[in-house]
PDB file of N, CA and C in Angstrom:
ATOM      1  N   MET A   1      65.689  59.323  17.157  1.00  0.00           N
ATOM      2  CA  MET A   1      65.750  59.201  18.606  1.00  0.00           C
ATOM      3  C   MET A   1      66.934  58.338  18.991  1.00  0.00           C
ATOM      4  N   SER A   2      67.639  58.744  20.017  1.00  0.00           N
ATOM      5  CA  SER A   2      68.769  57.956  20.495  1.00  0.00           C
ATOM      6  C   SER A   2      68.280  56.875  21.460  1.00  0.00           C
ATOM      7  N   VAL A   3      69.048  55.806  21.543  1.00  0.00           N
ATOM      8  CA  VAL A   3      68.738  54.692  22.434  1.00  0.00           C
ATOM      9  C   VAL A   3      69.788  54.666  23.533  1.00  0.00           C
ATOM     10  N   LYS A   4      69.338  54.612  24.782  1.00  0.00           N
ATOM     11  CA  LYS A   4      70.262  54.582  25.920  1.00  0.00           C
ATOM     12  C   LYS A   4      70.430  53.144  26.394  1.00  0.00           C
ATOM     13  N   LEU A   5      71.673  52.700  26.447  1.00  0.00           N
ATOM     14  CA  LEU A   5      72.000  51.381  26.981  1.00  0.00           C
ATOM     15  C   LEU A   5      72.681  51.574  28.317  1.00  0.00           C
ATOM     16  N   GLU A   6      72.314  50.759  29.277  1.00  0.00           N
ATOM     17  CA  GLU A   6      72.970  50.808  30.579  1.00  0.00           C
ATOM     18  C   GLU A   6      73.440  49.397  30.913  1.00  0.00           C
ATOM     19  N   PHE A   7      74.744  49.250  31.119  1.00  0.00           N
ATOM     20  CA  PHE A   7      75.329  47.962  31.463  1.00  0.00           C
ATOM     21  C   PHE A   7      75.436  47.889  32.983  1.00  0.00           C
ATOM     22  N   VAL A   8      74.831  46.851  33.561  1.00  0.00           N
ATOM     23  CA  VAL A   8      74.730  46.742  35.012  1.00  0.00           C
ATOM     24  C   VAL A   8      75.515  45.525  35.486  1.00  0.00           C
ATOM     25  N   SER A   9      76.484  45.766  36.362  1.00  0.00           N
ATOM     26  CA  SER A   9      77.282  44.698  36.950  1.00  0.00           C
ATOM     27  C   SER A   9      76.407  43.859  37.890  1.00  0.00           C
ATOM     28  N   ALA A  10      76.715  42.586  37.970  1.00  0.00           N
ATOM     29  CA  ALA A  10      75.993  41.703  38.894  1.00  0.00           C
ATOM     30  C   ALA A  10      76.146  42.197  40.328  1.00  0.00           C
ATOM     31  N   ASN A  11      77.259  42.863  40.635  1.00  0.00           N
ATOM     32  CA  ASN A  11      77.506  43.377  41.987  1.00  0.00           C
ATOM     33  C   ASN A  11      76.497  44.444  42.398  1.00  0.00           C
ATOM     34  N   VAL A  12      75.989  45.211  41.433  1.00  0.00           N
ATOM     35  CA  VAL A  12      75.009  46.256  41.740  1.00  0.00           C
ATOM     36  C   VAL A  12      73.738  45.644  42.331  1.00  0.00           C
ATOM     37  N   LEU A  13      73.319  44.517  41.783  1.00  0.00           N
ATOM     38  CA  LEU A  13      72.064  43.885  42.210  1.00  0.00           C
ATOM     39  C   LEU A  13      72.268  42.864  43.338  1.00  0.00           C
ATOM     40  N   ALA A  14      73.503  42.460  43.584  1.00  0.00           N
ATOM     41  CA  ALA A  14      73.788  41.370  44.521  1.00  0.00           C
ATOM     42  C   ALA A  14      73.251  41.598  45.930  1.00  0.00           C
ATOM     43  N   GLY A  15      73.343  42.809  46.445  1.00  0.00           N
ATOM     44  CA  GLY A  15      72.909  43.067  47.812  1.00  0.00           C
ATOM     45  C   GLY A  15      71.444  43.427  47.944  1.00  0.00           C
ATOM     46  N   MET A  16      70.705  43.410  46.849  1.00  0.00           N
ATOM     47  CA  MET A  16      69.300  43.834  46.869  1.00  0.00           C
ATOM     48  C   MET A  16      68.362  42.651  47.078  1.00  0.00           C
ATOM     49  N   SER A  17      67.233  42.927  47.722  1.00  0.00           N
ATOM     50  CA  SER A  17      66.176  41.920  47.816  1.00  0.00           C
ATOM     51  C   SER A  17      65.534  41.792  46.433  1.00  0.00           C
ATOM     52  N   ARG A  18      64.719  40.799  46.250  1.00  0.00           N
ATOM     53  CA  ARG A  18      64.061  40.609  44.954  1.00  0.00           C
ATOM     54  C   ARG A  18      63.190  41.808  44.604  1.00  0.00           C
ATOM     55  N   GLY A  19      62.473  42.343  45.590  1.00  0.00           N
ATOM     56  CA  GLY A  19      61.627  43.518  45.359  1.00  0.00           C
ATOM     57  C   GLY A  19      62.434  44.741  44.970  1.00  0.00           C
ATOM     58  N   GLU A  20      63.578  44.915  45.623  1.00  0.00           N
ATOM     59  CA  GLU A  20      64.457  46.046  45.284  1.00  0.00           C
ATOM     60  C   GLU A  20      65.012  45.908  43.864  1.00  0.00           C
ATOM     61  N   LYS A  21      65.345  44.679  43.470  1.00  0.00           N
ATOM     62  CA  LYS A  21      65.830  44.438  42.105  1.00  0.00           C
ATOM     63  C   LYS A  21      64.761  44.818  41.085  1.00  0.00           C
ATOM     64  N   MET A  22      63.523  44.388  41.344  1.00  0.00           N
ATOM     65  CA  MET A  22      62.429  44.689  40.427  1.00  0.00           C
ATOM     66  C   MET A  22      62.229  46.204  40.314  1.00  0.00           C
ATOM     67  N   SER A  23      62.261  46.899  41.438  1.00  0.00           N
ATOM     68  CA  SER A  23      62.100  48.357  41.436  1.00  0.00           C
ATOM     69  C   SER A  23      63.238  49.027  40.680  1.00  0.00           C
ATOM     70  N   TYR A  24      64.462  48.582  40.919  1.00  0.00           N
ATOM     71  CA  TYR A  24      65.627  49.148  40.240  1.00  0.00           C
ATOM     72  C   TYR A  24      65.473  49.002  38.727  1.00  0.00           C
ATOM     73  N   ILE A  25      65.151  47.791  38.294  1.00  0.00           N
ATOM     74  CA  ILE A  25      65.015  47.514  36.864  1.00  0.00           C
ATOM     75  C   ILE A  25      63.892  48.351  36.256  1.00  0.00           C
ATOM     76  N   LEU A  26      62.724  48.324  36.879  1.00  0.00           N
ATOM     77  CA  LEU A  26      61.576  49.049  36.318  1.00  0.00           C
ATOM     78  C   LEU A  26      61.784  50.557  36.322  1.00  0.00           C
ATOM     79  N   ASP A  27      62.414  51.094  37.359  1.00  0.00           N
ATOM     80  CA  ASP A  27      62.696  52.533  37.392  1.00  0.00           C
ATOM     81  C   ASP A  27      63.570  52.939  36.207  1.00  0.00           C
ATOM     82  N   HIS A  28      64.578  52.138  35.898  1.00  0.00           N
ATOM     83  CA  HIS A  28      65.479  52.463  34.788  1.00  0.00           C
ATOM     84  C   HIS A  28      64.811  52.267  33.429  1.00  0.00           C
ATOM     85  N   VAL A  29      64.037  51.198  33.290  1.00  0.00           N
ATOM     86  CA  VAL A  29      63.378  50.937  32.017  1.00  0.00           C
ATOM     87  C   VAL A  29      62.303  52.001  31.746  1.00  0.00           C
ATOM     88  N   LYS A  30      61.638  52.482  32.783  1.00  0.00           N
ATOM     89  CA  LYS A  30      60.636  53.538  32.603  1.00  0.00           C
ATOM     90  C   LYS A  30      61.276  54.853  32.153  1.00  0.00           C
ATOM     91  N   GLU A  31      62.594  54.977  32.343  1.00  0.00           N
ATOM     92  CA  GLU A  31      63.338  56.142  31.854  1.00  0.00           C
ATOM     93  C   GLU A  31      63.828  55.911  30.420  1.00  0.00           C
ATOM     94  N   ASP A  32      63.249  54.944  29.742  1.00  0.00           N
ATOM     95  CA  ASP A  32      63.588  54.591  28.354  1.00  0.00           C
ATOM     96  C   ASP A  32      65.029  54.117  28.180  1.00  0.00           C
ATOM     97  N   LYS A  33      65.515  53.350  29.142  1.00  0.00           N
ATOM     98  CA  LYS A  33      66.846  52.762  29.053  1.00  0.00           C
ATOM     99  C   LYS A  33      66.714  51.268  28.790  1.00  0.00           C
ATOM    100  N   ILE A  34      67.631  50.740  28.001  1.00  0.00           N
ATOM    101  CA  ILE A  34      67.734  49.302  27.808  1.00  0.00           C
ATOM    102  C   ILE A  34      68.854  48.824  28.725  1.00  0.00           C
ATOM    103  N   LEU A  35      68.516  47.916  29.638  1.00  0.00           N
ATOM    104  CA  LEU A  35      69.489  47.399  30.602  1.00  0.00           C
ATOM    105  C   LEU A  35      70.097  46.104  30.086  1.00  0.00           C
ATOM    106  N   VAL A  36      71.411  45.996  30.232  1.00  0.00           N
ATOM    107  CA  VAL A  36      72.128  44.751  29.969  1.00  0.00           C
ATOM    108  C   VAL A  36      72.732  44.353  31.308  1.00  0.00           C
ATOM    109  N   ILE A  37      72.187  43.298  31.902  1.00  0.00           N
ATOM    110  CA  ILE A  37      72.589  42.877  33.240  1.00  0.00           C
ATOM    111  C   ILE A  37      73.543  41.690  33.139  1.00  0.00           C
ATOM    112  N   GLU A  38      74.604  41.751  33.913  1.00  0.00           N
ATOM    113  CA  GLU A  38      75.692  40.791  33.842  1.00  0.00           C
ATOM    114  C   GLU A  38      75.342  39.404  34.389  1.00  0.00           C
ATOM    115  N   GLU A  39      74.118  39.135  34.677  1.00  0.00           N
ATOM    116  CA  GLU A  39      73.748  37.800  35.146  1.00  0.00           C
ATOM    117  C   GLU A  39      72.418  37.402  34.536  1.00  0.00           C
ATOM    118  N   GLY A  40      72.215  36.121  34.430  1.00  0.00           N
ATOM    119  CA  GLY A  40      70.956  35.620  33.909  1.00  0.00           C
ATOM    120  C   GLY A  40      69.880  35.645  34.986  1.00  0.00           C
ATOM    121  N   MET A  41      68.691  36.072  34.623  1.00  0.00           N
ATOM    122  CA  MET A  41      67.563  36.022  35.560  1.00  0.00           C
ATOM    123  C   MET A  41      66.954  34.629  35.500  1.00  0.00           C
ATOM    124  N   SER A  42      66.470  34.159  36.638  1.00  0.00           N
ATOM    125  CA  SER A  42      65.785  32.870  36.659  1.00  0.00           C
ATOM    126  C   SER A  42      64.393  33.043  36.044  1.00  0.00           C
ATOM    127  N   ALA A  43      63.778  31.944  35.687  1.00  0.00           N
ATOM    128  CA  ALA A  43      62.421  31.995  35.130  1.00  0.00           C
ATOM    129  C   ALA A  43      61.451  32.590  36.148  1.00  0.00           C
ATOM    130  N   VAL A  44      61.658  32.305  37.422  1.00  0.00           N
ATOM    131  CA  VAL A  44      60.804  32.851  38.490  1.00  0.00           C
ATOM    132  C   VAL A  44      60.954  34.365  38.556  1.00  0.00           C
ATOM    133  N   GLU A  45      62.200  34.847  38.509  1.00  0.00           N
ATOM    134  CA  GLU A  45      62.439  36.295  38.539  1.00  0.00           C
ATOM    135  C   GLU A  45      61.826  36.987  37.325  1.00  0.00           C
ATOM    136  N   GLU A  46      61.981  36.388  36.147  1.00  0.00           N
ATOM    137  CA  GLU A  46      61.369  36.960  34.941  1.00  0.00           C
ATOM    138  C   GLU A  46      59.856  37.055  35.107  1.00  0.00           C
ATOM    139  N   GLY A  47      59.252  36.004  35.637  1.00  0.00           N
ATOM    140  CA  GLY A  47      57.800  36.005  35.858  1.00  0.00           C
ATOM    141  C   GLY A  47      57.374  37.094  36.825  1.00  0.00           C
ATOM    142  N   GLU A  48      58.126  37.264  37.909  1.00  0.00           N
ATOM    143  CA  GLU A  48      57.810  38.316  38.882  1.00  0.00           C
ATOM    144  C   GLU A  48      57.981  39.704  38.271  1.00  0.00           C
ATOM    145  N   LEU A  49      59.010  39.869  37.431  1.00  0.00           N
ATOM    146  CA  LEU A  49      59.236  41.153  36.767  1.00  0.00           C
ATOM    147  C   LEU A  49      58.079  41.477  35.819  1.00  0.00           C
ATOM    148  N   ILE A  50      57.630  40.497  35.081  1.00  0.00           N
ATOM    149  CA  ILE A  50      56.508  40.713  34.154  1.00  0.00           C
ATOM    150  C   ILE A  50      55.237  41.032  34.937  1.00  0.00           C
ATOM    151  N   THR A  51      54.999  40.336  36.037  1.00  0.00           N
ATOM    152  CA  THR A  51      53.825  40.618  36.878  1.00  0.00           C
ATOM    153  C   THR A  51      53.882  42.035  37.422  1.00  0.00           C
ATOM    154  N   ALA A  52      55.045  42.452  37.933  1.00  0.00           N
ATOM    155  CA  ALA A  52      55.204  43.807  38.454  1.00  0.00           C
ATOM    156  C   ALA A  52      55.010  44.842  37.346  1.00  0.00           C
ATOM    157  N   THR A  53      55.478  44.522  36.152  1.00  0.00           N
ATOM    158  CA  THR A  53      55.340  45.433  35.010  1.00  0.00           C
ATOM    159  C   THR A  53      53.876  45.626  34.638  1.00  0.00           C
ATOM    160  N   MET A  54      53.119  44.545  34.635  1.00  0.00           N
ATOM    161  CA  MET A  54      51.708  44.623  34.228  1.00  0.00           C
ATOM    162  C   MET A  54      50.915  45.573  35.119  1.00  0.00           C
ATOM    163  N   GLU A  55      51.333  45.695  36.372  1.00  0.00           N
ATOM    164  CA  GLU A  55      50.653  46.612  37.291  1.00  0.00           C
ATOM    165  C   GLU A  55      50.950  48.078  36.965  1.00  0.00           C
ATOM    166  N   LEU A  56      52.027  48.329  36.204  1.00  0.00           N
ATOM    167  CA  LEU A  56      52.449  49.695  35.904  1.00  0.00           C
ATOM    168  C   LEU A  56      52.064  50.172  34.503  1.00  0.00           C
ATOM    169  N   VAL A  57      51.549  49.264  33.685  1.00  0.00           N
ATOM    170  CA  VAL A  57      51.227  49.620  32.302  1.00  0.00           C
ATOM    171  C   VAL A  57      50.130  50.676  32.272  1.00  0.00           C
ATOM    172  N   ASP A  58      50.392  51.739  31.503  1.00  0.00           N
ATOM    173  CA  ASP A  58      49.402  52.794  31.268  1.00  0.00           C
ATOM    174  C   ASP A  58      49.720  53.430  29.916  1.00  0.00           C
ATOM    175  N   LYS A  59      49.148  54.602  29.636  1.00  0.00           N
ATOM    176  CA  LYS A  59      49.371  55.249  28.332  1.00  0.00           C
ATOM    177  C   LYS A  59      50.824  55.643  28.113  1.00  0.00           C
ATOM    178  N   LYS A  60      51.541  55.974  29.189  1.00  0.00           N
ATOM    179  CA  LYS A  60      52.938  56.398  29.052  1.00  0.00           C
ATOM    180  C   LYS A  60      53.931  55.239  29.077  1.00  0.00           C
ATOM    181  N   PHE A  61      53.566  54.148  29.723  1.00  0.00           N
ATOM    182  CA  PHE A  61      54.473  52.998  29.863  1.00  0.00           C
ATOM    183  C   PHE A  61      53.769  51.752  29.354  1.00  0.00           C
ATOM    184  N   SER A  62      54.259  51.244  28.211  1.00  0.00           N
ATOM    185  CA  SER A  62      53.573  50.124  27.562  1.00  0.00           C
ATOM    186  C   SER A  62      54.092  48.752  27.969  1.00  0.00           C
ATOM    187  N   GLY A  63      55.093  48.707  28.839  1.00  0.00           N
ATOM    188  CA  GLY A  63      55.599  47.420  29.302  1.00  0.00           C
ATOM    189  C   GLY A  63      57.054  47.212  28.943  1.00  0.00           C
ATOM    190  N   ILE A  64      57.508  45.967  29.068  1.00  0.00           N
ATOM    191  CA  ILE A  64      58.916  45.641  28.840  1.00  0.00           C
ATOM    192  C   ILE A  64      59.069  44.452  27.911  1.00  0.00           C
ATOM    193  N   GLU A  65      60.266  44.321  27.392  1.00  0.00           N
ATOM    194  CA  GLU A  65      60.697  43.120  26.685  1.00  0.00           C
ATOM    195  C   GLU A  65      61.902  42.610  27.456  1.00  0.00           C
ATOM    196  N   VAL A  66      61.971  41.324  27.675  1.00  0.00           N
ATOM    197  CA  VAL A  66      63.067  40.746  28.450  1.00  0.00           C
ATOM    198  C   VAL A  66      63.551  39.458  27.785  1.00  0.00           C
ATOM    199  N   SER A  67      64.861  39.272  27.787  1.00  0.00           N
ATOM    200  CA  SER A  67      65.445  38.048  27.265  1.00  0.00           C
ATOM    201  C   SER A  67      66.665  37.696  28.104  1.00  0.00           C
ATOM    202  N   THR A  68      66.751  36.444  28.504  1.00  0.00           N
ATOM    203  CA  THR A  68      67.860  35.982  29.335  1.00  0.00           C
ATOM    204  C   THR A  68      68.636  34.899  28.616  1.00  0.00           C
ATOM    205  N   LEU A  69      69.937  35.048  28.665  1.00  0.00           N
ATOM    206  CA  LEU A  69      70.851  34.061  28.119  1.00  0.00           C
ATOM    207  C   LEU A  69      71.503  33.382  29.312  1.00  0.00           C
ATOM    208  N   ARG A  70      71.208  32.126  29.513  1.00  0.00           N
ATOM    209  CA  ARG A  70      71.777  31.404  30.649  1.00  0.00           C
ATOM    210  C   ARG A  70      73.001  30.632  30.186  1.00  0.00           C
ATOM    211  N   GLU A  71      74.035  30.695  30.989  1.00  0.00           N
ATOM    212  CA  GLU A  71      75.272  30.005  30.639  1.00  0.00           C
ATOM    213  C   GLU A  71      75.105  28.509  30.847  1.00  0.00           C
ATOM    214  N   LYS A  72      75.469  27.760  29.837  1.00  0.00           N
ATOM    215  CA  LYS A  72      75.479  26.300  29.945  1.00  0.00           C
ATOM    216  C   LYS A  72      76.932  25.886  30.105  1.00  0.00           C
ATOM    217  N   SER A  73      77.250  25.341  31.253  1.00  0.00           N
ATOM    218  CA  SER A  73      78.637  24.943  31.488  1.00  0.00           C
ATOM    219  C   SER A  73      78.694  23.494  31.930  1.00  0.00           C
ATOM    220  N   GLU A  74      79.889  23.013  32.029  1.00  0.00           N
ATOM    221  CA  GLU A  74      80.085  21.650  32.523  1.00  0.00           C
ATOM    222  C   GLU A  74      79.488  21.550  33.927  1.00  0.00           C
ATOM    223  N   GLU A  75      78.813  20.489  34.212  1.00  0.00           N
ATOM    224  CA  GLU A  75      78.188  20.290  35.513  1.00  0.00           C
ATOM    225  C   GLU A  75      79.181  19.680  36.484  1.00  0.00           C
ATOM    226  N   GLY A  76      80.081  20.495  36.990  1.00  0.00           N
ATOM    227  CA  GLY A  76      81.035  20.032  37.988  1.00  0.00           C
ATOM    228  C   GLY A  76      80.469  20.219  39.382  1.00  0.00           C
ATOM    229  N   ILE A  77      81.222  19.811  40.366  1.00  0.00           N
ATOM    230  CA  ILE A  77      80.798  19.936  41.765  1.00  0.00           C
ATOM    231  C   ILE A  77      80.563  21.404  42.119  1.00  0.00           C
ATOM    232  N   ARG A  78      81.456  22.290  41.649  1.00  0.00           N
ATOM    233  CA  ARG A  78      81.335  23.716  41.949  1.00  0.00           C
ATOM    234  C   ARG A  78      79.993  24.268  41.455  1.00  0.00           C
ATOM    235  N   GLU A  79      79.637  23.991  40.193  1.00  0.00           N
ATOM    236  CA  GLU A  79      78.392  24.495  39.614  1.00  0.00           C
ATOM    237  C   GLU A  79      77.170  23.943  40.340  1.00  0.00           C
ATOM    238  N   LYS A  80      77.211  22.653  40.690  1.00  0.00           N
ATOM    239  CA  LYS A  80      76.090  22.045  41.414  1.00  0.00           C
ATOM    240  C   LYS A  80      75.924  22.680  42.792  1.00  0.00           C
ATOM    241  N   LEU A  81      77.036  22.924  43.472  1.00  0.00           N
ATOM    242  CA  LEU A  81      76.985  23.543  44.794  1.00  0.00           C
ATOM    243  C   LEU A  81      76.446  24.972  44.714  1.00  0.00           C
ATOM    244  N   ILE A  82      76.911  25.735  43.742  1.00  0.00           N
ATOM    245  CA  ILE A  82      76.426  27.118  43.568  1.00  0.00           C
ATOM    246  C   ILE A  82      74.924  27.123  43.324  1.00  0.00           C
ATOM    247  N   ARG A  83      74.441  26.244  42.468  1.00  0.00           N
ATOM    248  CA  ARG A  83      73.000  26.185  42.172  1.00  0.00           C
ATOM    249  C   ARG A  83      72.196  25.731  43.386  1.00  0.00           C
ATOM    250  N   MET A  84      72.732  24.771  44.168  1.00  0.00           N
ATOM    251  CA  MET A  84      72.033  24.291  45.365  1.00  0.00           C
ATOM    252  C   MET A  84      71.867  25.414  46.381  1.00  0.00           C
ATOM    253  N   LEU A  85      72.832  26.330  46.424  1.00  0.00           N
ATOM    254  CA  LEU A  85      72.773  27.456  47.358  1.00  0.00           C
ATOM    255  C   LEU A  85      71.989  28.643  46.791  1.00  0.00           C
ATOM    256  N   GLY A  86      71.415  28.458  45.607  1.00  0.00           N
ATOM    257  CA  GLY A  86      70.581  29.507  45.020  1.00  0.00           C
ATOM    258  C   GLY A  86      71.336  30.492  44.158  1.00  0.00           C
ATOM    259  N   GLY A  87      72.590  30.209  43.871  1.00  0.00           N
ATOM    260  CA  GLY A  87      73.392  31.123  43.059  1.00  0.00           C
ATOM    261  C   GLY A  87      73.341  30.774  41.591  1.00  0.00           C
ATOM    262  N   ARG A  88      74.030  31.613  40.819  1.00  0.00           N
ATOM    263  CA  ARG A  88      74.100  31.402  39.372  1.00  0.00           C
ATOM    264  C   ARG A  88      75.556  31.337  38.951  1.00  0.00           C
ATOM    265  N   THR A  89      75.814  30.650  37.861  1.00  0.00           N
ATOM    266  CA  THR A  89      77.192  30.531  37.381  1.00  0.00           C
ATOM    267  C   THR A  89      77.462  31.419  36.176  1.00  0.00           C
ATOM    268  N   GLY A  90      76.522  32.191  35.733  1.00  0.00           N
ATOM    269  CA  GLY A  90      76.752  33.095  34.607  1.00  0.00           C
ATOM    270  C   GLY A  90      75.475  33.418  33.874  1.00  0.00           C
ATOM    271  N   GLY A  91      75.635  34.147  32.803  1.00  0.00           N
ATOM    272  CA  GLY A  91      74.498  34.500  31.976  1.00  0.00           C
ATOM    273  C   GLY A  91      74.441  35.984  31.709  1.00  0.00           C
ATOM    274  N   LEU A  92      73.375  36.395  31.059  1.00  0.00           N
ATOM    275  CA  LEU A  92      73.182  37.777  30.656  1.00  0.00           C
ATOM    276  C   LEU A  92      71.690  38.016  30.487  1.00  0.00           C
ATOM    277  N   THR A  93      71.214  39.182  30.919  1.00  0.00           N
ATOM    278  CA  THR A  93      69.809  39.522  30.746  1.00  0.00           C
ATOM    279  C   THR A  93      69.706  40.896  30.087  1.00  0.00           C
ATOM    280  N   VAL A  94      68.828  41.006  29.096  1.00  0.00           N
ATOM    281  CA  VAL A  94      68.573  42.274  28.413  1.00  0.00           C
ATOM    282  C   VAL A  94      67.106  42.629  28.652  1.00  0.00           C
ATOM    283  N   ILE A  95      66.868  43.861  29.154  1.00  0.00           N
ATOM    284  CA  ILE A  95      65.516  44.315  29.457  1.00  0.00           C
ATOM    285  C   ILE A  95      65.355  45.722  28.910  1.00  0.00           C
ATOM    286  N   GLY A  96      64.271  45.956  28.192  1.00  0.00           N
ATOM    287  CA  GLY A  96      64.029  47.291  27.659  1.00  0.00           C
ATOM    288  C   GLY A  96      62.551  47.589  27.555  1.00  0.00           C
ATOM    289  N   PRO A  97      62.227  48.872  27.386  1.00  0.00           N
ATOM    290  CA  PRO A  97      60.825  49.261  27.245  1.00  0.00           C
ATOM    291  C   PRO A  97      60.256  48.771  25.911  1.00  0.00           C
ATOM    292  N   SER A  98      59.030  48.289  25.934  1.00  0.00           N
ATOM    293  CA  SER A  98      58.382  47.763  24.730  1.00  0.00           C
ATOM    294  C   SER A  98      58.330  48.781  23.603  1.00  0.00           C
ATOM    295  N   LYS A  99      58.212  50.057  23.956  1.00  0.00           N
ATOM    296  CA  LYS A  99      58.102  51.071  22.902  1.00  0.00           C
ATOM    297  C   LYS A  99      59.413  51.271  22.140  1.00  0.00           C
ATOM    298  N   LEU A 100      60.538  50.821  22.693  1.00  0.00           N
ATOM    299  CA  LEU A 100      61.829  50.951  22.011  1.00  0.00           C
ATOM    300  C   LEU A 100      62.330  49.649  21.419  1.00  0.00           C
ATOM    301  N   VAL A 101      62.016  48.530  22.059  1.00  0.00           N
ATOM    302  CA  VAL A 101      62.522  47.232  21.603  1.00  0.00           C
ATOM    303  C   VAL A 101      61.587  46.712  20.519  1.00  0.00           C
ATOM    304  N   ARG A 102      62.103  46.719  19.297  1.00  0.00           N
ATOM    305  CA  ARG A 102      61.287  46.244  18.169  1.00  0.00           C
ATOM    306  C   ARG A 102      61.336  44.728  18.035  1.00  0.00           C
ATOM    307  N   GLN A 103      62.525  44.156  18.294  1.00  0.00           N
ATOM    308  CA  GLN A 103      62.672  42.723  18.080  1.00  0.00           C
ATOM    309  C   GLN A 103      63.827  42.189  18.930  1.00  0.00           C
ATOM    310  N   ILE A 104      63.625  41.026  19.523  1.00  0.00           N
ATOM    311  CA  ILE A 104      64.695  40.308  20.220  1.00  0.00           C
ATOM    312  C   ILE A 104      64.754  38.904  19.633  1.00  0.00           C
ATOM    313  N   LYS A 105      65.945  38.521  19.208  1.00  0.00           N
ATOM    314  CA  LYS A 105      66.177  37.155  18.734  1.00  0.00           C
ATOM    315  C   LYS A 105      67.199  36.523  19.666  1.00  0.00           C
ATOM    316  N   LYS A 106      66.954  35.284  20.004  1.00  0.00           N
ATOM    317  CA  LYS A 106      67.839  34.608  20.947  1.00  0.00           C
ATOM    318  C   LYS A 106      68.109  33.194  20.479  1.00  0.00           C
ATOM    319  N   ASP A 107      69.347  32.787  20.595  1.00  0.00           N
ATOM    320  CA  ASP A 107      69.681  31.374  20.441  1.00  0.00           C
ATOM    321  C   ASP A 107      70.560  31.022  21.641  1.00  0.00           C
ATOM    322  N   PRO A 108      70.973  29.796  21.797  1.00  0.00           N
ATOM    323  CA  PRO A 108      71.712  29.432  23.014  1.00  0.00           C
ATOM    324  C   PRO A 108      73.010  30.203  23.246  1.00  0.00           C
ATOM    325  N   ARG A 109      73.549  30.865  22.216  1.00  0.00           N
ATOM    326  CA  ARG A 109      74.838  31.525  22.370  1.00  0.00           C
ATOM    327  C   ARG A 109      74.806  33.049  22.339  1.00  0.00           C
ATOM    328  N   HIS A 110      73.726  33.663  21.849  1.00  0.00           N
ATOM    329  CA  HIS A 110      73.699  35.126  21.795  1.00  0.00           C
ATOM    330  C   HIS A 110      72.274  35.668  21.737  1.00  0.00           C
ATOM    331  N   ILE A 111      72.176  36.964  22.066  1.00  0.00           N
ATOM    332  CA  ILE A 111      70.914  37.701  21.967  1.00  0.00           C
ATOM    333  C   ILE A 111      71.133  38.821  20.969  1.00  0.00           C
ATOM    334  N   SER A 112      70.203  38.983  20.050  1.00  0.00           N
ATOM    335  CA  SER A 112      70.255  40.071  19.078  1.00  0.00           C
ATOM    336  C   SER A 112      69.037  40.956  19.323  1.00  0.00           C
ATOM    337  N   LEU A 113      69.255  42.273  19.425  1.00  0.00           N
ATOM    338  CA  LEU A 113      68.178  43.186  19.759  1.00  0.00           C
ATOM    339  C   LEU A 113      68.141  44.312  18.739  1.00  0.00           C
ATOM    340  N   LEU A 114      66.961  44.587  18.205  1.00  0.00           N
ATOM    341  CA  LEU A 114      66.737  45.721  17.317  1.00  0.00           C
ATOM    342  C   LEU A 114      65.920  46.732  18.101  1.00  0.00           C
ATOM    343  N   ALA A 115      66.454  47.949  18.231  1.00  0.00           N
ATOM    344  CA  ALA A 115      65.781  48.964  19.039  1.00  0.00           C
ATOM    345  C   ALA A 115      65.613  50.251  18.255  1.00  0.00           C
ATOM    346  N   GLY A 116      64.600  51.010  18.619  1.00  0.00           N
ATOM    347  CA  GLY A 116      64.311  52.300  18.017  1.00  0.00           C
ATOM    348  C   GLY A 116      62.837  52.574  18.148  1.00  0.00           C
ATOM    349  N   GLU A 117      62.494  53.831  18.139  1.00  0.00           N
ATOM    350  CA  GLU A 117      61.093  54.189  18.278  1.00  0.00           C
ATOM    351  C   GLU A 117      60.357  53.913  16.975  1.00  0.00           C
ATOM    352  N   ASP A 118      59.125  53.475  17.084  1.00  0.00           N
ATOM    353  CA  ASP A 118      58.261  53.217  15.948  1.00  0.00           C
ATOM    354  C   ASP A 118      58.146  54.495  15.116  1.00  0.00           C
ATOM    355  N   GLU A 119      58.290  54.395  13.794  1.00  0.00           N
ATOM    356  CA  GLU A 119      58.251  55.573  12.924  1.00  0.00           C
ATOM    357  C   GLU A 119      56.954  56.353  13.057  1.00  0.00           C
ATOM    358  N   GLU A 120      55.836  55.674  13.153  1.00  0.00           N
ATOM    359  CA  GLU A 120      54.544  56.363  13.290  1.00  0.00           C
ATOM    360  C   GLU A 120      54.490  57.151  14.593  1.00  0.00           C
ATOM    361  N   ARG A 121      54.948  56.547  15.669  1.00  0.00           N
ATOM    362  CA  ARG A 121      54.951  57.210  16.967  1.00  0.00           C
ATOM    363  C   ARG A 121      55.881  58.421  16.941  1.00  0.00           C
ATOM    364  N   GLU A 122      57.035  58.266  16.259  1.00  0.00           N
ATOM    365  CA  GLU A 122      58.003  59.355  16.155  1.00  0.00           C
ATOM    366  C   GLU A 122      57.401  60.534  15.386  1.00  0.00           C
ATOM    367  N   LYS A 123      56.701  60.240  14.272  1.00  0.00           N
ATOM    368  CA  LYS A 123      56.063  61.304  13.482  1.00  0.00           C
ATOM    369  C   LYS A 123      54.999  62.026  14.278  1.00  0.00           C
ATOM    370  N   SER A 124      54.177  61.275  15.019  1.00  0.00           N
ATOM    371  CA  SER A 124      53.100  61.911  15.763  1.00  0.00           C
ATOM    372  C   SER A 124      53.641  62.760  16.915  1.00  0.00           C
ATOM    373  N   SER A 125      54.761  62.342  17.538  1.00  0.00           N
ATOM    374  CA  SER A 125      55.319  63.149  18.612  1.00  0.00           C
ATOM    375  C   SER A 125      55.953  64.424  18.060  1.00  0.00           C
ATOM    376  N   LYS A 126      56.483  64.382  16.846  1.00  0.00           N
ATOM    377  CA  LYS A 126      57.031  65.586  16.224  1.00  0.00           C
ATOM    378  C   LYS A 126      55.921  66.568  15.856  1.00  0.00           C
ATOM    379  N   ARG A 127      54.758  66.033  15.416  1.00  0.00           N
ATOM    380  CA  ARG A 127      53.620  66.905  15.073  1.00  0.00           C
ATOM    381  C   ARG A 127      53.079  67.621  16.294  1.00  0.00           C
ATOM    382  N   LYS A 128      53.132  66.970  17.458  1.00  0.00           N
ATOM    383  CA  LYS A 128      52.610  67.566  18.686  1.00  0.00           C
ATOM    384  C   LYS A 128      53.462  68.721  19.157  1.00  0.00           C
ATOM    385  N   LYS A 129      54.736  68.753  18.801  1.00  0.00           N
ATOM    386  CA  LYS A 129      55.659  69.808  19.264  1.00  0.00           C
ATOM    387  C   LYS A 129      55.451  71.109  18.586  1.00  0.00           C
TER     388      LYS A 129
END
């Protein structure tokens, strides 16, 4: 099975409300795409995304895996002002369907993701055809 990656610019999500962002992300992940978003999600946003996901879990959609890499930079006046206004200074978020994301490893500098369909699930879907 092939894995679809979609790289999403921060500009795509910038004009959306929080609810629209959640819908955009979940719609794409339900299509078996792994999203790489050009900005880090806040802990609050991650929590809201997981809550929204739990409402959609069924036999066809088993949920999501999410990992955010937040940029740690020098705390200058610019960074403090951006954060006070609710903005972000960088980061990266990776979100994918649980059935494809086998493992996510994260350290402060990078995210490593192993993706692919479970062999047992792949065999059973081939038998059904």
